[in-house]
PDB file of all heavy atoms in Angstrom:
ATOM      1  N   PRO A   1       0.842  -1.203   0.008  1.00  0.00           N
ATOM      2  CA  PRO A   1       0.000  -0.006   0.004  1.00  0.00           C
ATOM      3  C   PRO A   1       0.870   1.251  -0.002  1.00  0.00           C
ATOM      4  O   PRO A   1       2.013   1.219   0.489  1.00  0.00           O
ATOM      5  CB  PRO A   1      -0.797  -0.107   1.308  1.00  0.00           C
ATOM      6  CG  PRO A   1      -0.696  -1.543   1.700  1.00  0.00           C
ATOM      7  CD  PRO A   1       0.606  -2.048   1.204  1.00  0.00           C
ATOM      8  N   VAL A   2       0.343   2.336  -0.506  1.00  0.00           N
ATOM      9  CA  VAL A   2       1.105   3.598  -0.583  1.00  0.00           C
ATOM     10  C   VAL A   2       1.607   4.020   0.797  1.00  0.00           C
ATOM     11  O   VAL A   2       2.730   4.498   0.941  1.00  0.00           O
ATOM     12  CB  VAL A   2       0.235   4.705  -1.208  1.00  0.00           C
ATOM     13  CG1 VAL A   2       0.899   6.075  -1.037  1.00  0.00           C
ATOM     14  CG2 VAL A   2       0.015   4.434  -2.697  1.00  0.00           C
ATOM     15  N   GLU A   3       0.774   3.822   1.835  1.00  0.00           N
ATOM     16  CA  GLU A   3       1.168   4.228   3.184  1.00  0.00           C
ATOM     17  C   GLU A   3       2.452   3.502   3.620  1.00  0.00           C
ATOM     18  O   GLU A   3       3.339   4.093   4.253  1.00  0.00           O
ATOM     19  CB  GLU A   3       0.054   3.951   4.195  1.00  0.00           C
ATOM     20  CG  GLU A   3      -1.185   4.784   3.989  1.00  0.00           C
ATOM     21  CD  GLU A   3      -2.065   4.287   2.827  1.00  0.00           C
ATOM     22  OE1 GLU A   3      -1.819   3.163   2.329  1.00  0.00           O
ATOM     23  OE2 GLU A   3      -2.973   5.038   2.423  1.00  0.00           O
ATOM     24  N   GLU A   4       2.555   2.209   3.278  1.00  0.00           N
ATOM     25  CA  GLU A   4       3.756   1.438   3.641  1.00  0.00           C
ATOM     26  C   GLU A   4       4.967   1.894   2.820  1.00  0.00           C
ATOM     27  O   GLU A   4       6.090   1.883   3.311  1.00  0.00           O
ATOM     28  CB  GLU A   4       3.497  -0.057   3.466  1.00  0.00           C
ATOM     29  CG  GLU A   4       2.517  -0.637   4.465  1.00  0.00           C
ATOM     30  CD  GLU A   4       2.393  -2.137   4.351  1.00  0.00           C
ATOM     31  OE1 GLU A   4       3.321  -2.786   3.822  1.00  0.00           O
ATOM     32  OE2 GLU A   4       1.355  -2.685   4.792  1.00  0.00           O
ATOM     33  N   VAL A   5       4.729   2.267   1.574  1.00  0.00           N
ATOM     34  CA  VAL A   5       5.812   2.780   0.733  1.00  0.00           C
ATOM     35  C   VAL A   5       6.373   4.067   1.338  1.00  0.00           C
ATOM     36  O   VAL A   5       7.583   4.253   1.417  1.00  0.00           O
ATOM     37  CB  VAL A   5       5.341   3.012  -0.724  1.00  0.00           C
ATOM     38  CG1 VAL A   5       6.421   3.737  -1.513  1.00  0.00           C
ATOM     39  CG2 VAL A   5       4.959   1.703  -1.386  1.00  0.00           C
ATOM     40  N   VAL A   6       5.470   4.962   1.766  1.00  0.00           N
ATOM     41  CA  VAL A   6       5.899   6.204   2.405  1.00  0.00           C
ATOM     42  C   VAL A   6       6.726   5.922   3.646  1.00  0.00           C
ATOM     43  O   VAL A   6       7.779   6.508   3.883  1.00  0.00           O
ATOM     44  CB  VAL A   6       4.682   7.095   2.754  1.00  0.00           C
ATOM     45  CG1 VAL A   6       5.115   8.279   3.620  1.00  0.00           C
ATOM     46  CG2 VAL A   6       3.999   7.595   1.494  1.00  0.00           C
ATOM     47  N   GLY A   7       6.254   4.957   4.465  1.00  0.00           N
ATOM     48  CA  GLY A   7       6.987   4.581   5.663  1.00  0.00           C
ATOM     49  C   GLY A   7       8.373   4.037   5.346  1.00  0.00           C
ATOM     50  O   GLY A   7       9.357   4.346   6.016  1.00  0.00           O
ATOM     51  N   LEU A   8       8.460   3.220   4.276  1.00  0.00           N
ATOM     52  CA  LEU A   8       9.751   2.672   3.856  1.00  0.00           C
ATOM     53  C   LEU A   8      10.705   3.779   3.441  1.00  0.00           C
ATOM     54  O   LEU A   8      11.885   3.797   3.843  1.00  0.00           O
ATOM     55  CB  LEU A   8       9.530   1.684   2.702  1.00  0.00           C
ATOM     56  CG  LEU A   8      10.803   1.152   2.026  1.00  0.00           C
ATOM     57  CD1 LEU A   8      11.623   0.309   2.993  1.00  0.00           C
ATOM     58  CD2 LEU A   8      10.423   0.331   0.790  1.00  0.00           C
ATOM     59  N   LEU A   9      10.218   4.721   2.660  1.00  0.00           N
ATOM     60  CA  LEU A   9      11.061   5.825   2.194  1.00  0.00           C
ATOM     61  C   LEU A   9      11.565   6.673   3.365  1.00  0.00           C
ATOM     62  O   LEU A   9      12.732   7.065   3.412  1.00  0.00           O
ATOM     63  CB  LEU A   9      10.279   6.694   1.222  1.00  0.00           C
ATOM     64  CG  LEU A   9      10.036   6.115  -0.173  1.00  0.00           C
ATOM     65  CD1 LEU A   9       8.958   6.914  -0.907  1.00  0.00           C
ATOM     66  CD2 LEU A   9      11.297   6.091  -0.977  1.00  0.00           C
ATOM     67  N   GLU A  10      10.680   6.981   4.303  1.00  0.00           N
ATOM     68  CA  GLU A  10      11.074   7.792   5.438  1.00  0.00           C
ATOM     69  C   GLU A  10      12.082   7.054   6.314  1.00  0.00           C
ATOM     70  O   GLU A  10      13.030   7.658   6.840  1.00  0.00           O
ATOM     71  CB  GLU A  10       9.847   8.179   6.251  1.00  0.00           C
ATOM     72  CG  GLU A  10       8.939   9.169   5.507  1.00  0.00           C
ATOM     73  CD  GLU A  10       7.667   9.500   6.252  1.00  0.00           C
ATOM     74  OE1 GLU A  10       7.247   8.669   7.118  1.00  0.00           O
ATOM     75  OE2 GLU A  10       7.048  10.561   5.973  1.00  0.00           O
ATOM     76  N   ARG A  11      11.894   5.741   6.433  1.00  0.00           N
ATOM     77  CA  ARG A  11      12.840   4.952   7.214  1.00  0.00           C
ATOM     78  C   ARG A  11      14.215   4.914   6.531  1.00  0.00           C
ATOM     79  O   ARG A  11      15.264   5.053   7.183  1.00  0.00           O
ATOM     80  CB  ARG A  11      12.312   3.508   7.351  1.00  0.00           C
ATOM     81  CG  ARG A  11      13.209   2.579   8.150  1.00  0.00           C
ATOM     82  CD  ARG A  11      13.167   2.909   9.638  1.00  0.00           C
ATOM     83  NE  ARG A  11      14.161   2.149  10.376  1.00  0.00           N
ATOM     84  CZ  ARG A  11      14.303   2.222  11.685  1.00  0.00           C
ATOM     85  NH1 ARG A  11      13.529   3.016  12.393  1.00  0.00           N
ATOM     86  NH2 ARG A  11      15.240   1.523  12.305  1.00  0.00           N
ATOM     87  N   MET A  12      14.218   4.792   5.200  1.00  0.00           N
ATOM     88  CA  MET A  12      15.476   4.780   4.431  1.00  0.00           C
ATOM     89  C   MET A  12      16.250   6.077   4.649  1.00  0.00           C
ATOM     90  O   MET A  12      17.467   6.085   4.816  1.00  0.00           O
ATOM     91  CB  MET A  12      15.186   4.574   2.955  1.00  0.00           C
ATOM     92  CG  MET A  12      14.793   3.160   2.578  1.00  0.00           C
ATOM     93  SD  MET A  12      14.240   3.020   0.847  1.00  0.00           S
ATOM     94  CE  MET A  12      15.763   3.467  -0.029  1.00  0.00           C
ATOM     95  N   ARG A  13      15.506   7.209   4.648  1.00  0.00           N
ATOM     96  CA  ARG A  13      16.190   8.495   4.824  1.00  0.00           C
ATOM     97  C   ARG A  13      16.747   8.651   6.224  1.00  0.00           C
ATOM     98  O   ARG A  13      17.854   9.167   6.428  1.00  0.00           O
ATOM     99  CB  ARG A  13      15.229   9.641   4.511  1.00  0.00           C
ATOM    100  CG  ARG A  13      15.922  11.011   4.595  1.00  0.00           C
ATOM    101  CD  ARG A  13      15.130  12.093   3.885  1.00  0.00           C
ATOM    102  NE  ARG A  13      15.903  13.336   3.873  1.00  0.00           N
ATOM    103  CZ  ARG A  13      15.660  14.382   4.642  1.00  0.00           C
ATOM    104  NH1 ARG A  13      14.651  14.345   5.494  1.00  0.00           N
ATOM    105  NH2 ARG A  13      16.375  15.476   4.559  1.00  0.00           N
ATOM    106  N   LYS A  14      15.988   8.204   7.242  1.00  0.00           N
ATOM    107  CA  LYS A  14      16.482   8.289   8.612  1.00  0.00           C
ATOM    108  C   LYS A  14      17.745   7.458   8.774  1.00  0.00           C
ATOM    109  O   LYS A  14      18.705   7.899   9.438  1.00  0.00           O
ATOM    110  CB  LYS A  14      15.402   7.815   9.588  1.00  0.00           C
ATOM    111  CG  LYS A  14      14.263   8.787   9.777  1.00  0.00           C
ATOM    112  CD  LYS A  14      13.216   8.237  10.731  1.00  0.00           C
ATOM    113  CE  LYS A  14      12.066   9.214  10.937  1.00  0.00           C
ATOM    114  NZ  LYS A  14      11.025   8.655  11.820  1.00  0.00           N
ATOM    115  N   GLU A  15      17.766   6.284   8.180  1.00  0.00           N
ATOM    116  CA  GLU A  15      18.949   5.436   8.277  1.00  0.00           C
ATOM    117  C   GLU A  15      20.117   6.052   7.521  1.00  0.00           C
ATOM    118  O   GLU A  15      21.273   5.976   7.966  1.00  0.00           O
ATOM    119  CB  GLU A  15      18.630   4.034   7.747  1.00  0.00           C
ATOM    120  CG  GLU A  15      17.634   3.277   8.627  1.00  0.00           C
ATOM    121  CD  GLU A  15      17.386   1.855   8.144  1.00  0.00           C
ATOM    122  OE1 GLU A  15      18.128   1.364   7.287  1.00  0.00           O
ATOM    123  OE2 GLU A  15      16.400   1.260   8.618  1.00  0.00           O
ATOM    124  N   LYS A  16      19.827   6.675   6.377  1.00  0.00           N
ATOM    125  CA  LYS A  16      20.884   7.319   5.586  1.00  0.00           C
ATOM    126  C   LYS A  16      21.501   8.455   6.370  1.00  0.00           C
ATOM    127  O   LYS A  16      22.725   8.689   6.305  1.00  0.00           O
ATOM    128  CB  LYS A  16      20.269   7.844   4.301  1.00  0.00           C
ATOM    129  CG  LYS A  16      21.249   8.541   3.367  1.00  0.00           C
ATOM    130  CD  LYS A  16      21.823   7.591   2.355  1.00  0.00           C
ATOM    131  CE  LYS A  16      22.683   8.333   1.352  1.00  0.00           C
ATOM    132  NZ  LYS A  16      23.150   7.479   0.267  1.00  0.00           N
ATOM    133  N   ARG A  17      20.674   9.176   7.151  1.00  0.00           N
ATOM    134  CA  ARG A  17      21.170  10.304   7.948  1.00  0.00           C
ATOM    135  C   ARG A  17      21.769   9.859   9.275  1.00  0.00           C
ATOM    136  O   ARG A  17      22.278  10.675  10.035  1.00  0.00           O
ATOM    137  CB  ARG A  17      20.025  11.275   8.204  1.00  0.00           C
ATOM    138  CG  ARG A  17      19.493  11.958   6.952  1.00  0.00           C
ATOM    139  CD  ARG A  17      18.200  12.687   7.221  1.00  0.00           C
ATOM    140  NE  ARG A  17      18.366  13.739   8.228  1.00  0.00           N
ATOM    141  CZ  ARG A  17      17.388  14.274   8.923  1.00  0.00           C
ATOM    142  NH1 ARG A  17      16.145  13.847   8.742  1.00  0.00           N
ATOM    143  NH2 ARG A  17      17.623  15.226   9.789  1.00  0.00           N
ATOM    144  N   GLY A  18      21.671   8.580   9.584  1.00  0.00           N
ATOM    145  CA  GLY A  18      22.232   8.047  10.809  1.00  0.00           C
ATOM    146  C   GLY A  18      21.433   8.308  12.061  1.00  0.00           C
ATOM    147  O   GLY A  18      21.965   8.239  13.160  1.00  0.00           O
ATOM    148  N   VAL A  19      20.126   8.605  11.892  1.00  0.00           N
ATOM    149  CA  VAL A  19      19.285   8.879  13.064  1.00  0.00           C
ATOM    150  C   VAL A  19      18.396   7.684  13.410  1.00  0.00           C
ATOM    151  O   VAL A  19      17.531   7.786  14.253  1.00  0.00           O
ATOM    152  CB  VAL A  19      18.414  10.140  12.829  1.00  0.00           C
ATOM    153  CG1 VAL A  19      19.285  11.357  12.689  1.00  0.00           C
ATOM    154  CG2 VAL A  19      17.514   9.972  11.604  1.00  0.00           C
ATOM    155  N   ALA A  20      18.610   6.571  12.716  1.00  0.00           N
ATOM    156  CA  ALA A  20      17.869   5.346  13.031  1.00  0.00           C
ATOM    157  C   ALA A  20      18.752   4.146  12.723  1.00  0.00           C
ATOM    158  O   ALA A  20      19.645   4.221  11.868  1.00  0.00           O
ATOM    159  CB  ALA A  20      16.583   5.265  12.201  1.00  0.00           C
ATOM    160  N   ALA A  21      18.528   3.068  13.450  1.00  0.00           N
ATOM    161  CA  ALA A  21      19.325   1.848  13.239  1.00  0.00           C
ATOM    162  C   ALA A  21      19.047   1.296  11.836  1.00  0.00           C
ATOM    163  O   ALA A  21      17.953   1.441  11.294  1.00  0.00           O
ATOM    164  CB  ALA A  21      18.947   0.810  14.284  1.00  0.00           C
ATOM    165  N   ARG A  22      20.071   0.677  11.235  1.00  0.00           N
ATOM    166  CA  ARG A  22      19.959   0.180   9.867  1.00  0.00           C
ATOM    167  C   ARG A  22      19.174  -1.146   9.867  1.00  0.00           C
ATOM    168  O   ARG A  22      19.709  -2.178  10.231  1.00  0.00           O
ATOM    169  CB  ARG A  22      21.322  -0.006   9.242  1.00  0.00           C
ATOM    170  CG  ARG A  22      22.091   1.300   9.047  1.00  0.00           C
ATOM    171  CD  ARG A  22      23.495   1.059   8.504  1.00  0.00           C
ATOM    172  NE  ARG A  22      23.448   0.479   7.168  1.00  0.00           N
ATOM    173  CZ  ARG A  22      23.372   1.199   6.044  1.00  0.00           C
ATOM    174  NH1 ARG A  22      23.292   2.520   6.119  1.00  0.00           N
ATOM    175  NH2 ARG A  22      23.360   0.602   4.865  1.00  0.00           N
ATOM    176  N   ASN A  23      17.915  -1.055   9.437  1.00  0.00           N
ATOM    177  CA  ASN A  23      17.068  -2.233   9.357  1.00  0.00           C
ATOM    178  C   ASN A  23      16.579  -2.499   7.934  1.00  0.00           C
ATOM    179  O   ASN A  23      16.360  -3.659   7.558  1.00  0.00           O
ATOM    180  CB  ASN A  23      15.855  -2.091  10.279  1.00  0.00           C
ATOM    181  CG  ASN A  23      16.241  -2.118  11.741  1.00  0.00           C
ATOM    182  OD1 ASN A  23      17.108  -2.871  12.142  1.00  0.00           O
ATOM    183  ND2 ASN A  23      15.617  -1.267  12.537  1.00  0.00           N
ATOM    184  N   VAL A  24      16.402  -1.427   7.149  1.00  0.00           N
ATOM    185  CA  VAL A  24      15.878  -1.614   5.788  1.00  0.00           C
ATOM    186  C   VAL A  24      16.912  -1.308   4.709  1.00  0.00           C
ATOM    187  O   VAL A  24      16.794  -1.794   3.593  1.00  0.00           O
ATOM    188  CB  VAL A  24      14.621  -0.763   5.548  1.00  0.00           C
ATOM    189  CG1 VAL A  24      13.519  -1.164   6.491  1.00  0.00           C
ATOM    190  CG2 VAL A  24      14.921   0.728   5.665  1.00  0.00           C
TER     191      VAL A  24
END
């Protein structure tokens, strides 16, 4: 679903910026 895609993208950016653990 689009909502899950948005969540995936936001998680990817947080991990890229180093503000979240690398899970995705």
